Amino acid sequence: MNIKEIRRQRRRQKAKEKFKKKLQKAPKLHFSKDKIHIDKKQLKKSFLLLLEIGLACLLAYSLVLFYGQRVSNAGDSMSPVLKNGDVVLVDRLVYNVVRPKRGDIIVFKPGGNENAHYMIKRIAALPGETVQIKNGSIYINGTVWREEIYVSDITSAGLAAEPVELGSDEYFVIGDNHEGSDDSRTSDVGNVKRKDIFGKAWFITSFGENFGRLKN
């Protein structure tokens, strides 16, 4: 072995020793052996709180969706129960449980026209019945009917001048102020189908003498 190789080996040996010394001086990584502590009681409380908040939001949304839909009354066709501009809340759930009945004040779109303004009228005749207006009165199946219908001395019979037979899903509606009402007596409205009924008007939100639960 010549002198050059001996010197080369010595340099390599010194480099290795320096590298080992650096490794010894370098800070060692320390991994904690302590386990993470989870407070199960606190976790349960947080979960229950989130669940309560979620249920409250769901309940609020459902109440607004089924009982808080707002519709504005246009015109005085339902005077004195409703005035022009009165805003009512609509119960959209009730008719999923029970059928619309005579005397109910319903909210609907005439002919199912989605672009039309919601109308508010009172049900006078029910599916399967025959309705006619003559001598200023409403006849249901040939008998004068005055209960639950707040109209008298009707001067314009319109389509109901002749007997109108209602289908199995049709309702005949009329405004309380029959002299100023476009309703089932007119061809623009006609008989109202069940699928076109948005819901039942139940509460007047407009401040004034009519404010509060709507009285049939």
N, C-alpha and C. Protein backbone atom coordinates (compact mmCIF):
# COMPACT_ATOMS: atom_id res chain seq x y z
N MET A 1 0.86 -1.19 0.00
CA MET A 1 0.00 0.00 0.00
C MET A 1 0.90 1.24 0.00
N ASN A 2 0.64 2.10 -0.92
CA ASN A 2 1.49 3.28 -1.03
C ASN A 2 1.00 4.38 -0.07
N ILE A 3 1.75 5.42 -0.03
CA ILE A 3 1.50 6.52 0.92
C ILE A 3 0.19 7.24 0.59
N LYS A 4 -0.11 7.42 -0.69
CA LYS A 4 -1.35 8.13 -1.09
C LYS A 4 -2.59 7.40 -0.59
N GLU A 5 -2.61 6.09 -0.74
CA GLU A 5 -3.77 5.32 -0.30
C GLU A 5 -3.93 5.38 1.21
N ILE A 6 -2.75 5.34 1.92
CA ILE A 6 -2.81 5.42 3.38
C ILE A 6 -3.43 6.75 3.81
N ARG A 7 -3.01 7.84 3.17
CA ARG A 7 -3.56 9.16 3.51
C ARG A 7 -5.07 9.25 3.18
N ARG A 8 -5.44 8.62 2.03
CA ARG A 8 -6.86 8.64 1.64
C ARG A 8 -7.71 7.91 2.67
N GLN A 9 -7.29 6.78 3.17
CA GLN A 9 -8.01 6.02 4.18
C GLN A 9 -8.12 6.80 5.49
N ARG A 10 -7.04 7.48 5.85
CA ARG A 10 -7.05 8.28 7.08
C ARG A 10 -8.11 9.41 6.98
N ARG A 11 -8.15 10.06 5.78
CA ARG A 11 -9.13 11.13 5.59
C ARG A 11 -10.56 10.59 5.70
N ARG A 12 -10.78 9.41 5.12
CA ARG A 12 -12.10 8.79 5.19
C ARG A 12 -12.47 8.47 6.64
N GLN A 13 -11.50 7.96 7.37
CA GLN A 13 -11.73 7.60 8.77
C GLN A 13 -12.07 8.84 9.58
N LYS A 14 -11.34 9.92 9.34
CA LYS A 14 -11.62 11.16 10.07
C LYS A 14 -13.01 11.70 9.73
N ALA A 15 -13.42 11.59 8.45
CA ALA A 15 -14.75 12.07 8.03
C ALA A 15 -15.86 11.27 8.72
N LYS A 16 -15.67 9.95 8.83
CA LYS A 16 -16.66 9.11 9.50
C LYS A 16 -16.79 9.46 10.97
N GLU A 17 -15.63 9.74 11.60
CA GLU A 17 -15.65 10.08 13.03
C GLU A 17 -16.36 11.42 13.24
N LYS A 18 -16.12 12.39 12.36
CA LYS A 18 -16.81 13.69 12.47
C LYS A 18 -18.32 13.53 12.32
N PHE A 19 -18.71 12.69 11.34
CA PHE A 19 -20.15 12.48 11.09
C PHE A 19 -20.83 11.84 12.31
N LYS A 20 -20.14 10.87 12.95
CA LYS A 20 -20.68 10.23 14.15
C LYS A 20 -20.86 11.22 15.29
N LYS A 21 -19.86 12.10 15.43
CA LYS A 21 -19.93 13.11 16.48
C LYS A 21 -21.12 14.06 16.27
N LYS A 22 -21.36 14.43 14.98
CA LYS A 22 -22.50 15.29 14.68
C LYS A 22 -23.83 14.62 15.01
N LEU A 23 -23.91 13.33 14.71
CA LEU A 23 -25.13 12.59 15.02
C LEU A 23 -25.37 12.53 16.53
N GLN A 24 -24.30 12.38 17.28
CA GLN A 24 -24.43 12.31 18.73
C GLN A 24 -24.88 13.64 19.32
N LYS A 25 -24.43 14.75 18.72
CA LYS A 25 -24.79 16.07 19.22
C LYS A 25 -26.20 16.50 18.78
N ALA A 26 -26.71 15.94 17.67
CA ALA A 26 -28.03 16.35 17.15
C ALA A 26 -29.13 16.00 18.15
N PRO A 27 -30.17 16.89 18.32
CA PRO A 27 -31.26 16.62 19.27
C PRO A 27 -32.09 15.41 18.81
N LYS A 28 -32.40 14.56 19.73
CA LYS A 28 -33.17 13.35 19.44
C LYS A 28 -34.67 13.68 19.45
N LEU A 29 -35.38 13.07 18.53
CA LEU A 29 -36.83 13.23 18.49
C LEU A 29 -37.45 12.46 19.64
N HIS A 30 -38.42 13.11 20.31
CA HIS A 30 -39.04 12.48 21.47
C HIS A 30 -40.54 12.30 21.20
N PHE A 31 -40.98 11.09 21.24
CA PHE A 31 -42.39 10.77 21.05
C PHE A 31 -43.01 10.43 22.40
N SER A 32 -44.04 11.22 22.72
CA SER A 32 -44.68 11.00 24.02
C SER A 32 -45.43 9.68 24.03
N LYS A 33 -45.29 8.98 25.10
CA LYS A 33 -45.99 7.70 25.27
C LYS A 33 -47.32 7.88 25.99
N ASP A 34 -47.60 9.14 26.37
CA ASP A 34 -48.86 9.39 27.07
C ASP A 34 -50.04 9.26 26.12
N LYS A 35 -51.11 8.60 26.51
CA LYS A 35 -52.32 8.43 25.71
C LYS A 35 -53.17 9.69 25.75
N ILE A 36 -53.84 9.99 24.60
CA ILE A 36 -54.74 11.14 24.54
C ILE A 36 -55.98 10.84 25.37
N HIS A 37 -56.33 11.77 26.24
CA HIS A 37 -57.48 11.55 27.13
C HIS A 37 -58.73 12.20 26.54
N ILE A 38 -59.79 11.43 26.36
CA ILE A 38 -61.06 11.91 25.82
C ILE A 38 -62.11 11.90 26.93
N ASP A 39 -62.69 13.07 27.17
CA ASP A 39 -63.75 13.18 28.18
C ASP A 39 -65.07 12.72 27.56
N LYS A 40 -65.45 11.51 27.86
CA LYS A 40 -66.64 10.92 27.24
C LYS A 40 -67.91 11.67 27.64
N LYS A 41 -67.98 12.15 28.85
CA LYS A 41 -69.17 12.88 29.30
C LYS A 41 -69.33 14.19 28.53
N GLN A 42 -68.21 14.90 28.37
CA GLN A 42 -68.25 16.16 27.64
C GLN A 42 -68.60 15.91 26.17
N LEU A 43 -68.05 14.83 25.62
CA LEU A 43 -68.34 14.47 24.23
C LEU A 43 -69.82 14.17 24.04
N LYS A 44 -70.41 13.47 25.02
CA LYS A 44 -71.83 13.14 24.96
C LYS A 44 -72.69 14.40 25.04
N LYS A 45 -72.30 15.33 25.93
CA LYS A 45 -73.04 16.58 26.06
C LYS A 45 -73.00 17.38 24.76
N SER A 46 -71.83 17.42 24.14
CA SER A 46 -71.68 18.17 22.88
C SER A 46 -72.54 17.54 21.78
N PHE A 47 -72.57 16.23 21.74
CA PHE A 47 -73.37 15.53 20.74
C PHE A 47 -74.86 15.81 20.94
N LEU A 48 -75.31 15.76 22.21
CA LEU A 48 -76.72 16.02 22.50
C LEU A 48 -77.10 17.46 22.17
N LEU A 49 -76.17 18.39 22.42
CA LEU A 49 -76.43 19.80 22.11
C LEU A 49 -76.59 19.99 20.60
N LEU A 50 -75.70 19.38 19.82
CA LEU A 50 -75.80 19.48 18.37
C LEU A 50 -77.09 18.84 17.86
N LEU A 51 -77.47 17.73 18.49
CA LEU A 51 -78.72 17.06 18.11
C LEU A 51 -79.93 17.93 18.39
N GLU A 52 -79.93 18.60 19.53
CA GLU A 52 -81.05 19.50 19.89
C GLU A 52 -81.13 20.67 18.93
N ILE A 53 -79.98 21.23 18.58
CA ILE A 53 -79.96 22.36 17.63
C ILE A 53 -80.49 21.92 16.27
N GLY A 54 -80.07 20.72 15.85
CA GLY A 54 -80.53 20.20 14.56
C GLY A 54 -82.03 19.97 14.55
N LEU A 55 -82.56 19.40 15.63
CA LEU A 55 -84.00 19.15 15.71
C LEU A 55 -84.79 20.45 15.76
N ALA A 56 -84.24 21.44 16.48
CA ALA A 56 -84.91 22.74 16.57
C ALA A 56 -84.98 23.41 15.18
N CYS A 57 -83.89 23.33 14.44
CA CYS A 57 -83.87 23.90 13.08
C CYS A 57 -84.84 23.17 12.17
N LEU A 58 -84.90 21.85 12.31
CA LEU A 58 -85.82 21.06 11.49
C LEU A 58 -87.27 21.40 11.82
N LEU A 59 -87.55 21.56 13.12
CA LEU A 59 -88.91 21.90 13.55
C LEU A 59 -89.31 23.29 13.04
N ALA A 60 -88.38 24.24 13.16
CA ALA A 60 -88.67 25.60 12.69
C ALA A 60 -88.92 25.62 11.19
N TYR A 61 -88.11 24.88 10.46
CA TYR A 61 -88.29 24.81 9.00
C TYR A 61 -89.63 24.19 8.64
N SER A 62 -90.01 23.12 9.36
CA SER A 62 -91.28 22.44 9.09
C SER A 62 -92.47 23.34 9.40
N LEU A 63 -92.38 24.09 10.50
CA LEU A 63 -93.47 24.99 10.87
C LEU A 63 -93.67 26.07 9.81
N VAL A 64 -92.55 26.62 9.32
CA VAL A 64 -92.65 27.65 8.28
C VAL A 64 -93.18 27.05 6.99
N LEU A 65 -92.71 25.85 6.65
CA LEU A 65 -93.10 25.21 5.40
C LEU A 65 -94.58 24.86 5.37
N PHE A 66 -95.08 24.32 6.49
CA PHE A 66 -96.46 23.81 6.51
C PHE A 66 -97.48 24.77 7.10
N TYR A 67 -97.04 25.72 7.93
CA TYR A 67 -98.00 26.61 8.58
C TYR A 67 -97.70 28.10 8.37
N GLY A 68 -96.55 28.40 7.84
CA GLY A 68 -96.14 29.80 7.78
C GLY A 68 -96.02 30.38 6.39
N GLN A 69 -96.54 29.68 5.37
CA GLN A 69 -96.51 30.24 4.02
C GLN A 69 -97.44 31.45 3.96
N ARG A 70 -96.94 32.56 3.46
CA ARG A 70 -97.69 33.82 3.46
C ARG A 70 -98.26 34.08 2.06
N VAL A 71 -99.53 34.46 2.03
CA VAL A 71 -100.20 34.81 0.78
C VAL A 71 -100.95 36.11 0.99
N SER A 72 -100.84 37.01 0.02
CA SER A 72 -101.52 38.30 0.11
C SER A 72 -102.88 38.23 -0.58
N ASN A 73 -103.90 38.75 0.08
CA ASN A 73 -105.24 38.77 -0.50
C ASN A 73 -105.39 39.98 -1.42
N ALA A 74 -105.81 39.70 -2.64
CA ALA A 74 -105.99 40.78 -3.62
C ALA A 74 -107.48 41.05 -3.82
N GLY A 75 -107.90 42.28 -3.57
CA GLY A 75 -109.30 42.65 -3.76
C GLY A 75 -110.14 42.48 -2.51
N ASP A 76 -111.42 42.80 -2.64
CA ASP A 76 -112.34 42.74 -1.50
C ASP A 76 -113.39 41.65 -1.67
N SER A 77 -113.05 40.61 -2.43
CA SER A 77 -114.03 39.55 -2.69
C SER A 77 -114.39 38.75 -1.44
N MET A 78 -113.52 38.81 -0.40
CA MET A 78 -113.79 38.07 0.83
C MET A 78 -114.14 39.01 1.98
N SER A 79 -114.49 40.24 1.65
CA SER A 79 -114.89 41.20 2.68
C SER A 79 -116.21 40.75 3.30
N PRO A 80 -116.40 40.91 4.61
CA PRO A 80 -115.55 41.64 5.56
C PRO A 80 -114.51 40.76 6.26
N VAL A 81 -114.49 39.45 5.98
CA VAL A 81 -113.54 38.57 6.65
C VAL A 81 -112.11 38.95 6.31
N LEU A 82 -111.87 39.25 5.01
CA LEU A 82 -110.55 39.66 4.56
C LEU A 82 -110.66 40.96 3.76
N LYS A 83 -109.69 41.82 3.95
CA LYS A 83 -109.66 43.07 3.21
C LYS A 83 -108.55 43.01 2.17
N ASN A 84 -108.62 43.92 1.22
CA ASN A 84 -107.60 43.99 0.18
C ASN A 84 -106.22 44.24 0.81
N GLY A 85 -105.26 43.40 0.47
CA GLY A 85 -103.91 43.56 1.00
C GLY A 85 -103.63 42.77 2.26
N ASP A 86 -104.66 42.19 2.87
CA ASP A 86 -104.42 41.38 4.07
C ASP A 86 -103.50 40.21 3.72
N VAL A 87 -102.56 39.94 4.61
CA VAL A 87 -101.64 38.82 4.41
C VAL A 87 -102.05 37.68 5.35
N VAL A 88 -102.22 36.50 4.78
CA VAL A 88 -102.67 35.36 5.58
C VAL A 88 -101.61 34.26 5.57
N LEU A 89 -101.61 33.47 6.64
CA LEU A 89 -100.77 32.27 6.70
C LEU A 89 -101.60 31.11 6.21
N VAL A 90 -100.94 30.18 5.51
CA VAL A 90 -101.64 29.05 4.91
C VAL A 90 -101.20 27.75 5.56
N ASP A 91 -102.18 26.97 6.00
CA ASP A 91 -101.91 25.64 6.55
C ASP A 91 -101.87 24.67 5.37
N ARG A 92 -100.69 24.20 5.03
CA ARG A 92 -100.54 23.31 3.88
C ARG A 92 -100.64 21.84 4.27
N LEU A 93 -100.68 21.56 5.56
CA LEU A 93 -100.66 20.18 6.01
C LEU A 93 -102.04 19.60 6.25
N VAL A 94 -103.00 20.45 6.62
CA VAL A 94 -104.30 19.99 7.08
C VAL A 94 -105.01 19.09 6.06
N TYR A 95 -104.90 19.42 4.78
CA TYR A 95 -105.63 18.64 3.78
C TYR A 95 -104.93 17.34 3.39
N ASN A 96 -103.80 17.09 4.02
CA ASN A 96 -103.18 15.76 3.90
C ASN A 96 -103.76 14.81 4.94
N VAL A 97 -104.48 15.39 5.90
CA VAL A 97 -105.07 14.60 6.98
C VAL A 97 -106.59 14.50 6.81
N VAL A 98 -107.23 15.63 6.49
CA VAL A 98 -108.68 15.65 6.30
C VAL A 98 -109.00 16.28 4.94
N ARG A 99 -110.21 16.03 4.46
CA ARG A 99 -110.62 16.62 3.19
C ARG A 99 -111.13 18.04 3.40
N PRO A 100 -110.97 18.88 2.38
CA PRO A 100 -111.55 20.23 2.48
C PRO A 100 -113.06 20.12 2.69
N LYS A 101 -113.59 20.98 3.54
CA LYS A 101 -115.03 20.89 3.83
C LYS A 101 -115.72 22.21 3.48
N ARG A 102 -117.06 22.13 3.41
CA ARG A 102 -117.83 23.31 3.08
C ARG A 102 -117.62 24.39 4.13
N GLY A 103 -117.42 25.60 3.67
CA GLY A 103 -117.19 26.71 4.59
C GLY A 103 -115.72 27.04 4.79
N ASP A 104 -114.82 26.12 4.41
CA ASP A 104 -113.38 26.39 4.52
C ASP A 104 -112.99 27.53 3.58
N ILE A 105 -112.08 28.37 4.05
CA ILE A 105 -111.51 29.41 3.19
C ILE A 105 -110.18 28.88 2.67
N ILE A 106 -110.15 28.62 1.38
CA ILE A 106 -108.97 27.96 0.80
C ILE A 106 -108.16 28.92 -0.06
N VAL A 107 -106.90 28.53 -0.26
CA VAL A 107 -105.98 29.27 -1.13
C VAL A 107 -105.66 28.37 -2.31
N PHE A 108 -105.79 28.87 -3.52
CA PHE A 108 -105.58 28.03 -4.70
C PHE A 108 -105.15 28.88 -5.88
N LYS A 109 -104.73 28.21 -6.93
CA LYS A 109 -104.42 28.89 -8.19
C LYS A 109 -105.43 28.44 -9.22
N PRO A 110 -106.16 29.37 -9.81
CA PRO A 110 -107.23 29.01 -10.76
C PRO A 110 -106.70 28.22 -11.95
N GLY A 111 -107.33 27.09 -12.19
CA GLY A 111 -106.93 26.27 -13.33
C GLY A 111 -105.55 25.67 -13.19
N GLY A 112 -104.97 25.73 -12.00
CA GLY A 112 -103.62 25.21 -11.79
C GLY A 112 -102.54 26.03 -12.46
N ASN A 113 -102.88 27.25 -12.86
CA ASN A 113 -101.93 28.13 -13.55
C ASN A 113 -100.86 28.63 -12.56
N GLU A 114 -99.63 28.15 -12.73
CA GLU A 114 -98.56 28.49 -11.81
C GLU A 114 -98.19 29.96 -11.87
N ASN A 115 -98.50 30.62 -12.97
CA ASN A 115 -98.16 32.03 -13.12
C ASN A 115 -99.23 32.96 -12.57
N ALA A 116 -100.37 32.38 -12.18
CA ALA A 116 -101.48 33.19 -11.67
C ALA A 116 -101.26 33.53 -10.19
N HIS A 117 -101.88 34.61 -9.75
CA HIS A 117 -101.83 35.00 -8.35
C HIS A 117 -102.73 34.07 -7.53
N TYR A 118 -102.30 33.76 -6.31
CA TYR A 118 -103.13 32.92 -5.46
C TYR A 118 -104.47 33.61 -5.20
N MET A 119 -105.54 32.82 -5.23
CA MET A 119 -106.87 33.33 -4.93
C MET A 119 -107.33 32.75 -3.59
N ILE A 120 -108.18 33.51 -2.90
CA ILE A 120 -108.70 33.08 -1.60
C ILE A 120 -110.22 33.15 -1.66
N LYS A 121 -110.87 31.99 -1.54
CA LYS A 121 -112.34 31.92 -1.61
C LYS A 121 -112.84 30.89 -0.60
N ARG A 122 -114.17 30.86 -0.46
CA ARG A 122 -114.80 29.93 0.46
C ARG A 122 -115.46 28.78 -0.32
N ILE A 123 -115.31 27.57 0.18
CA ILE A 123 -115.91 26.41 -0.46
C ILE A 123 -117.42 26.41 -0.22
N ALA A 124 -118.17 26.32 -1.33
CA ALA A 124 -119.63 26.29 -1.23
C ALA A 124 -120.19 24.90 -1.51
N ALA A 125 -119.57 24.17 -2.41
CA ALA A 125 -120.06 22.83 -2.76
C ALA A 125 -118.89 21.86 -2.86
N LEU A 126 -119.19 20.59 -2.57
CA LEU A 126 -118.15 19.57 -2.46
C LEU A 126 -118.20 18.60 -3.64
N PRO A 127 -117.13 17.78 -3.78
CA PRO A 127 -117.08 16.82 -4.89
C PRO A 127 -118.32 15.93 -4.94
N GLY A 128 -118.82 15.73 -6.17
CA GLY A 128 -119.98 14.86 -6.37
C GLY A 128 -121.32 15.56 -6.22
N GLU A 129 -121.32 16.79 -5.70
CA GLU A 129 -122.56 17.52 -5.51
C GLU A 129 -122.94 18.28 -6.78
N THR A 130 -124.22 18.65 -6.85
CA THR A 130 -124.70 19.50 -7.94
C THR A 130 -125.07 20.85 -7.35
N VAL A 131 -124.49 21.90 -7.89
CA VAL A 131 -124.72 23.24 -7.36
C VAL A 131 -125.38 24.11 -8.43
N GLN A 132 -126.29 24.94 -7.96
CA GLN A 132 -126.96 25.88 -8.86
C GLN A 132 -127.33 27.15 -8.08
N ILE A 133 -127.26 28.26 -8.75
CA ILE A 133 -127.66 29.53 -8.13
C ILE A 133 -128.91 30.04 -8.84
N LYS A 134 -129.98 30.18 -8.09
CA LYS A 134 -131.23 30.71 -8.66
C LYS A 134 -132.01 31.41 -7.56
N ASN A 135 -132.79 32.37 -7.97
CA ASN A 135 -133.58 33.16 -7.02
C ASN A 135 -132.70 33.78 -5.93
N GLY A 136 -131.46 34.09 -6.27
CA GLY A 136 -130.55 34.73 -5.33
C GLY A 136 -129.95 33.83 -4.28
N SER A 137 -130.20 32.50 -4.38
CA SER A 137 -129.70 31.56 -3.37
C SER A 137 -128.88 30.44 -4.02
N ILE A 138 -128.08 29.77 -3.19
CA ILE A 138 -127.29 28.63 -3.65
C ILE A 138 -128.07 27.35 -3.34
N TYR A 139 -128.24 26.53 -4.34
CA TYR A 139 -128.91 25.25 -4.18
C TYR A 139 -127.85 24.14 -4.29
N ILE A 140 -127.84 23.26 -3.29
CA ILE A 140 -126.95 22.11 -3.31
C ILE A 140 -127.82 20.87 -3.43
N ASN A 141 -127.64 20.14 -4.50
CA ASN A 141 -128.45 18.95 -4.77
C ASN A 141 -129.94 19.27 -4.69
N GLY A 142 -130.30 20.45 -5.20
CA GLY A 142 -131.70 20.83 -5.30
C GLY A 142 -132.29 21.48 -4.06
N THR A 143 -131.48 21.64 -3.00
CA THR A 143 -131.97 22.23 -1.75
C THR A 143 -131.23 23.52 -1.45
N VAL A 144 -131.97 24.55 -1.05
CA VAL A 144 -131.34 25.82 -0.68
C VAL A 144 -130.39 25.58 0.50
N TRP A 145 -129.17 26.11 0.37
CA TRP A 145 -128.16 25.89 1.42
C TRP A 145 -127.67 27.24 1.93
N ARG A 146 -127.84 27.45 3.21
CA ARG A 146 -127.42 28.72 3.80
C ARG A 146 -126.32 28.53 4.85
N GLU A 147 -126.22 27.34 5.42
CA GLU A 147 -125.23 27.10 6.47
C GLU A 147 -123.81 27.13 5.89
N GLU A 148 -122.91 27.75 6.64
CA GLU A 148 -121.48 27.78 6.32
C GLU A 148 -121.16 28.57 5.05
N ILE A 149 -122.16 29.17 4.42
CA ILE A 149 -121.93 29.97 3.22
C ILE A 149 -122.48 31.37 3.49
N TYR A 150 -121.60 32.35 3.48
CA TYR A 150 -122.00 33.70 3.88
C TYR A 150 -122.36 34.55 2.67
N VAL A 151 -123.38 34.10 1.92
CA VAL A 151 -123.85 34.87 0.78
C VAL A 151 -125.38 34.83 0.76
N SER A 152 -125.96 35.88 0.24
CA SER A 152 -127.42 35.96 0.08
C SER A 152 -127.74 36.98 -1.00
N ASP A 153 -128.91 36.82 -1.60
CA ASP A 153 -129.34 37.75 -2.65
C ASP A 153 -128.30 37.87 -3.76
N ILE A 154 -127.87 36.72 -4.27
CA ILE A 154 -126.87 36.72 -5.34
C ILE A 154 -127.53 37.13 -6.65
N THR A 155 -127.06 38.21 -7.24
CA THR A 155 -127.67 38.72 -8.47
C THR A 155 -127.05 38.13 -9.72
N SER A 156 -125.80 37.67 -9.62
CA SER A 156 -125.11 37.11 -10.78
C SER A 156 -124.81 35.63 -10.54
N ALA A 157 -125.51 34.77 -11.28
CA ALA A 157 -125.31 33.33 -11.11
C ALA A 157 -124.17 32.81 -11.97
N GLY A 158 -123.87 33.50 -13.05
CA GLY A 158 -122.78 33.07 -13.92
C GLY A 158 -122.98 31.66 -14.45
N LEU A 159 -121.92 30.87 -14.39
CA LEU A 159 -121.99 29.50 -14.90
C LEU A 159 -122.97 28.64 -14.11
N ALA A 160 -123.27 29.06 -12.87
CA ALA A 160 -124.15 28.26 -12.01
C ALA A 160 -125.62 28.59 -12.23
N ALA A 161 -125.91 29.37 -13.26
CA ALA A 161 -127.32 29.61 -13.57
C ALA A 161 -127.99 28.29 -13.95
N GLU A 162 -127.20 27.39 -14.52
CA GLU A 162 -127.64 26.03 -14.79
C GLU A 162 -126.92 25.10 -13.82
N PRO A 163 -127.54 23.95 -13.51
CA PRO A 163 -126.90 23.02 -12.56
C PRO A 163 -125.48 22.65 -12.98
N VAL A 164 -124.56 22.72 -12.02
CA VAL A 164 -123.15 22.36 -12.26
C VAL A 164 -122.84 21.10 -11.44
N GLU A 165 -122.52 20.04 -12.14
CA GLU A 165 -122.18 18.78 -11.47
C GLU A 165 -120.67 18.74 -11.23
N LEU A 166 -120.29 18.60 -9.98
CA LEU A 166 -118.88 18.59 -9.62
C LEU A 166 -118.30 17.19 -9.73
N GLY A 167 -117.06 17.13 -10.24
CA GLY A 167 -116.38 15.85 -10.35
C GLY A 167 -115.94 15.33 -8.99
N SER A 168 -115.31 14.18 -8.98
CA SER A 168 -114.91 13.54 -7.73
C SER A 168 -113.79 14.29 -7.00
N ASP A 169 -113.14 15.23 -7.70
CA ASP A 169 -112.05 15.99 -7.08
C ASP A 169 -112.24 17.49 -7.27
N GLU A 170 -113.50 17.93 -7.47
CA GLU A 170 -113.76 19.33 -7.76
C GLU A 170 -114.57 20.01 -6.65
N TYR A 171 -114.27 21.31 -6.47
CA TYR A 171 -114.96 22.12 -5.46
C TYR A 171 -115.49 23.39 -6.12
N PHE A 172 -116.66 23.83 -5.66
CA PHE A 172 -117.24 25.08 -6.14
C PHE A 172 -117.00 26.12 -5.07
N VAL A 173 -116.31 27.21 -5.44
CA VAL A 173 -115.94 28.24 -4.46
C VAL A 173 -116.61 29.56 -4.82
N ILE A 174 -116.83 30.38 -3.81
CA ILE A 174 -117.45 31.69 -4.02
C ILE A 174 -116.93 32.65 -2.97
N GLY A 175 -116.85 33.93 -3.33
CA GLY A 175 -116.40 34.94 -2.38
C GLY A 175 -117.53 35.40 -1.49
N ASP A 176 -117.21 35.74 -0.24
CA ASP A 176 -118.24 36.23 0.68
C ASP A 176 -118.90 37.49 0.14
N ASN A 177 -118.10 38.34 -0.49
CA ASN A 177 -118.63 39.53 -1.15
C ASN A 177 -118.92 39.14 -2.59
N HIS A 178 -120.02 38.38 -2.79
CA HIS A 178 -120.27 37.75 -4.08
C HIS A 178 -120.46 38.73 -5.22
N GLU A 179 -120.83 39.98 -4.92
CA GLU A 179 -121.03 40.96 -5.99
C GLU A 179 -119.70 41.45 -6.56
N GLY A 180 -118.62 41.26 -5.80
CA GLY A 180 -117.31 41.73 -6.28
C GLY A 180 -116.30 40.61 -6.32
N SER A 181 -116.74 39.43 -6.72
CA SER A 181 -115.85 38.27 -6.67
C SER A 181 -115.82 37.51 -7.98
N ASP A 182 -114.61 37.21 -8.44
CA ASP A 182 -114.43 36.27 -9.54
C ASP A 182 -114.18 34.91 -8.91
N ASP A 183 -115.07 33.98 -9.13
CA ASP A 183 -114.98 32.67 -8.47
C ASP A 183 -115.47 31.58 -9.41
N SER A 184 -116.00 30.50 -8.85
CA SER A 184 -116.42 29.38 -9.69
C SER A 184 -117.57 29.71 -10.62
N ARG A 185 -118.17 30.87 -10.44
CA ARG A 185 -119.24 31.29 -11.34
C ARG A 185 -118.69 31.78 -12.68
N THR A 186 -117.40 32.08 -12.72
CA THR A 186 -116.80 32.62 -13.94
C THR A 186 -115.93 31.56 -14.63
N SER A 187 -115.81 31.65 -15.93
CA SER A 187 -115.03 30.68 -16.70
C SER A 187 -113.53 30.80 -16.42
N ASP A 188 -113.09 31.98 -15.98
CA ASP A 188 -111.66 32.16 -15.69
C ASP A 188 -111.23 31.35 -14.47
N VAL A 189 -112.17 31.06 -13.59
CA VAL A 189 -111.86 30.31 -12.38
C VAL A 189 -112.47 28.91 -12.47
N GLY A 190 -113.78 28.84 -12.62
CA GLY A 190 -114.45 27.55 -12.72
C GLY A 190 -114.31 26.70 -11.47
N ASN A 191 -114.55 25.41 -11.62
CA ASN A 191 -114.44 24.51 -10.49
C ASN A 191 -112.96 24.34 -10.11
N VAL A 192 -112.71 24.21 -8.83
CA VAL A 192 -111.33 24.10 -8.33
C VAL A 192 -111.01 22.64 -8.05
N LYS A 193 -109.98 22.14 -8.68
CA LYS A 193 -109.57 20.76 -8.46
C LYS A 193 -108.74 20.64 -7.18
N ARG A 194 -108.83 19.49 -6.56
CA ARG A 194 -108.11 19.26 -5.30
C ARG A 194 -106.61 19.51 -5.44
N LYS A 195 -106.03 19.11 -6.55
CA LYS A 195 -104.58 19.24 -6.71
C LYS A 195 -104.14 20.71 -6.82
N ASP A 196 -105.10 21.59 -7.12
CA ASP A 196 -104.76 23.00 -7.26
C ASP A 196 -104.93 23.79 -5.96
N ILE A 197 -105.42 23.11 -4.91
CA ILE A 197 -105.59 23.78 -3.62
C ILE A 197 -104.25 23.81 -2.89
N PHE A 198 -103.77 25.00 -2.61
CA PHE A 198 -102.48 25.18 -1.93
C PHE A 198 -102.59 24.89 -0.44
N GLY A 199 -103.72 25.24 0.16
CA GLY A 199 -103.92 24.99 1.58
C GLY A 199 -105.10 25.78 2.12
N LYS A 200 -105.21 25.79 3.43
CA LYS A 200 -106.31 26.48 4.11
C LYS A 200 -105.79 27.74 4.79
N ALA A 201 -106.45 28.87 4.51
CA ALA A 201 -106.07 30.13 5.19
C ALA A 201 -106.50 30.03 6.65
N TRP A 202 -105.57 30.38 7.57
CA TRP A 202 -105.92 30.18 8.98
C TRP A 202 -105.55 31.36 9.89
N PHE A 203 -104.67 32.25 9.44
CA PHE A 203 -104.24 33.34 10.32
C PHE A 203 -103.95 34.59 9.50
N ILE A 204 -104.46 35.74 9.99
CA ILE A 204 -104.21 37.02 9.32
C ILE A 204 -103.07 37.72 10.05
N THR A 205 -101.98 37.98 9.34
CA THR A 205 -100.81 38.59 9.96
C THR A 205 -100.82 40.11 9.86
N SER A 206 -101.67 40.66 9.00
CA SER A 206 -101.73 42.11 8.84
C SER A 206 -102.34 42.74 10.09
N PHE A 207 -101.67 43.77 10.63
CA PHE A 207 -102.18 44.43 11.83
C PHE A 207 -103.43 45.23 11.49
N GLY A 208 -104.39 45.16 12.38
CA GLY A 208 -105.67 45.84 12.17
C GLY A 208 -106.77 45.08 12.88
N GLU A 209 -108.00 45.41 12.57
CA GLU A 209 -109.12 44.79 13.25
C GLU A 209 -109.26 43.31 12.93
N ASN A 210 -108.73 42.87 11.80
CA ASN A 210 -108.84 41.46 11.41
C ASN A 210 -107.66 40.61 11.87
N PHE A 211 -106.67 41.24 12.51
CA PHE A 211 -105.48 40.51 12.92
C PHE A 211 -105.83 39.33 13.84
N GLY A 212 -105.20 38.19 13.56
CA GLY A 212 -105.41 37.01 14.41
C GLY A 212 -105.94 35.84 13.61
N ARG A 213 -106.38 34.83 14.33
CA ARG A 213 -106.88 33.62 13.70
C ARG A 213 -108.10 33.95 12.83
N LEU A 214 -108.08 33.42 11.61
CA LEU A 214 -109.15 33.72 10.68
C LEU A 214 -110.43 32.98 11.09
N LYS A 215 -111.50 33.72 11.20
CA LYS A 215 -112.77 33.14 11.63
C LYS A 215 -113.60 32.77 10.41
N ASN A 216 -113.96 31.50 10.37
CA ASN A 216 -114.81 31.04 9.26
C ASN A 216 -116.23 31.54 9.45
